[in-house]
Amino acid sequence: MATNKNSNPEHTEGPVATAIEEQTAKLPSDIFLWSALGSMAVSLVLQYQGSKNRSLFVGQWAAPFLLLGIYNKLVKLEGHD
């Protein structure tokens, strides 16, 4: 069932969220994908260099980058209030 984005005026975005969404919508979505892949590659290099703790730290960046990419795509497709 499709709903109208403005069907509930009580739940609107604040000015900060709106400003952030306007700026993030300008970024290409593939930046986040390449950032995630890059963090995995850097993690692999650090692992081979013997920096296990740093490797784990950098390797954990992949998931947030991918989530930011999903957020970016949703903002581009759906827009904000």
C-alpha atoms as a PDB file:
ATOM      1  CA  MET A   1       0.000   0.000   0.000  1.00  0.00           C
ATOM      2  CA  ALA A   2       1.573   3.273  -1.091  1.00  0.00           C
ATOM      3  CA  THR A   3       1.544   6.168   1.322  1.00  0.00           C
ATOM      4  CA  ASN A   4       2.008   9.837   0.739  1.00  0.00           C
ATOM      5  CA  LYS A   5       5.267  11.196   2.195  1.00  0.00           C
ATOM      6  CA  ASN A   6       3.434  14.161   3.665  1.00  0.00           C
ATOM      7  CA  SER A   7       0.504  12.166   5.043  1.00  0.00           C
ATOM      8  CA  ASN A   8       1.574  12.817   8.647  1.00  0.00           C
ATOM      9  CA  PRO A   9       2.619  16.449   9.157  1.00  0.00           C
ATOM     10  CA  GLU A  10       3.515  15.741  12.810  1.00  0.00           C
ATOM     11  CA  HIS A  11       6.560  13.722  11.719  1.00  0.00           C
ATOM     12  CA  THR A  12       8.720  16.061   9.673  1.00  0.00           C
ATOM     13  CA  GLU A  13      12.477  16.469   9.486  1.00  0.00           C
ATOM     14  CA  GLY A  14      14.175  19.232  11.412  1.00  0.00           C
ATOM     15  CA  PRO A  15      16.298  21.909   9.777  1.00  0.00           C
ATOM     16  CA  VAL A  16      19.590  20.134  10.548  1.00  0.00           C
ATOM     17  CA  ALA A  17      18.473  16.813   9.039  1.00  0.00           C
ATOM     18  CA  THR A  18      17.080  18.599   5.993  1.00  0.00           C
ATOM     19  CA  ALA A  19      20.366  20.477   5.463  1.00  0.00           C
ATOM     20  CA  ILE A  20      22.390  17.260   5.818  1.00  0.00           C
ATOM     21  CA  GLU A  21      20.136  15.423   3.363  1.00  0.00           C
ATOM     22  CA  GLU A  22      20.420  18.232   0.824  1.00  0.00           C
ATOM     23  CA  GLN A  23      24.223  18.071   0.973  1.00  0.00           C
ATOM     24  CA  THR A  24      24.557  14.262   0.985  1.00  0.00           C
ATOM     25  CA  ALA A  25      22.241  13.968  -2.007  1.00  0.00           C
ATOM     26  CA  LYS A  26      24.900  15.800  -4.029  1.00  0.00           C
ATOM     27  CA  LEU A  27      27.432  12.978  -3.484  1.00  0.00           C
ATOM     28  CA  PRO A  28      27.605  10.123  -5.986  1.00  0.00           C
ATOM     29  CA  SER A  29      26.482   6.865  -4.390  1.00  0.00           C
ATOM     30  CA  ASP A  30      29.485   4.905  -5.618  1.00  0.00           C
ATOM     31  CA  ILE A  31      31.800   6.934  -3.347  1.00  0.00           C
ATOM     32  CA  PHE A  32      30.493   4.913  -0.416  1.00  0.00           C
ATOM     33  CA  LEU A  33      30.947   1.601  -2.217  1.00  0.00           C
ATOM     34  CA  TRP A  34      34.539   2.450  -3.173  1.00  0.00           C
ATOM     35  CA  SER A  35      35.229   3.644   0.376  1.00  0.00           C
ATOM     36  CA  ALA A  36      34.004   0.319   1.769  1.00  0.00           C
ATOM     37  CA  LEU A  37      36.119  -1.659  -0.692  1.00  0.00           C
ATOM     38  CA  GLY A  38      39.102   0.578   0.041  1.00  0.00           C
ATOM     39  CA  SER A  39      38.798   0.038   3.776  1.00  0.00           C
ATOM     40  CA  MET A  40      38.727  -3.717   3.214  1.00  0.00           C
ATOM     41  CA  ALA A  41      41.851  -3.491   1.036  1.00  0.00           C
ATOM     42  CA  VAL A  42      43.690  -1.355   3.597  1.00  0.00           C
ATOM     43  CA  SER A  43      42.628  -3.798   6.289  1.00  0.00           C
ATOM     44  CA  LEU A  44      44.088  -6.686   4.283  1.00  0.00           C
ATOM     45  CA  VAL A  45      47.391  -4.844   3.811  1.00  0.00           C
ATOM     46  CA  LEU A  46      47.579  -4.029   7.523  1.00  0.00           C
ATOM     47  CA  GLN A  47      46.838  -7.670   8.354  1.00  0.00           C
ATOM     48  CA  TYR A  48      49.747  -8.840   6.181  1.00  0.00           C
ATOM     49  CA  GLN A  49      52.019  -6.227   7.769  1.00  0.00           C
ATOM     50  CA  GLY A  50      51.255  -7.675  11.193  1.00  0.00           C
ATOM     51  CA  SER A  51      49.141  -4.796  12.532  1.00  0.00           C
ATOM     52  CA  LYS A  52      46.224  -6.933  13.624  1.00  0.00           C
ATOM     53  CA  ASN A  53      44.513  -4.335  15.815  1.00  0.00           C
ATOM     54  CA  ARG A  54      44.740  -1.628  13.159  1.00  0.00           C
ATOM     55  CA  SER A  55      43.564  -4.091  10.533  1.00  0.00           C
ATOM     56  CA  LEU A  56      40.451  -4.932  12.546  1.00  0.00           C
ATOM     57  CA  PHE A  57      39.777  -1.250  13.231  1.00  0.00           C
ATOM     58  CA  VAL A  58      39.977  -0.228   9.570  1.00  0.00           C
ATOM     59  CA  GLY A  59      38.104  -3.340   8.408  1.00  0.00           C
ATOM     60  CA  GLN A  60      35.124  -2.342  10.522  1.00  0.00           C
ATOM     61  CA  TRP A  61      34.686   0.843   8.488  1.00  0.00           C
ATOM     62  CA  ALA A  62      33.177  -1.088   5.572  1.00  0.00           C
ATOM     63  CA  ALA A  63      29.743  -1.586   7.139  1.00  0.00           C
ATOM     64  CA  PRO A  64      29.214   2.097   8.081  1.00  0.00           C
ATOM     65  CA  PHE A  65      30.301   3.181   4.590  1.00  0.00           C
ATOM     66  CA  LEU A  66      27.772   0.809   3.031  1.00  0.00           C
ATOM     67  CA  LEU A  67      25.028   2.026   5.388  1.00  0.00           C
ATOM     68  CA  LEU A  68      25.836   5.629   4.485  1.00  0.00           C
ATOM     69  CA  GLY A  69      25.542   4.627   0.836  1.00  0.00           C
ATOM     70  CA  ILE A  70      22.089   3.181   1.458  1.00  0.00           C
ATOM     71  CA  TYR A  71      21.053   6.349   3.291  1.00  0.00           C
ATOM     72  CA  ASN A  72      22.403   8.426   0.418  1.00  0.00           C
ATOM     73  CA  LYS A  73      20.451   6.394  -2.125  1.00  0.00           C
ATOM     74  CA  LEU A  74      17.229   6.678  -0.110  1.00  0.00           C
ATOM     75  CA  VAL A  75      17.594  10.444   0.163  1.00  0.00           C
ATOM     76  CA  LYS A  76      18.102  10.659  -3.600  1.00  0.00           C
ATOM     77  CA  LEU A  77      15.112   8.448  -4.382  1.00  0.00           C
ATOM     78  CA  GLU A  78      12.647   9.593  -1.730  1.00  0.00           C
ATOM     79  CA  GLY A  79      13.903  13.082  -0.926  1.00  0.00           C
ATOM     80  CA  HIS A  80      13.173  14.738   2.364  1.00  0.00           C
ATOM     81  CA  ASP A  81      10.039  16.316   3.762  1.00  0.00           C
END
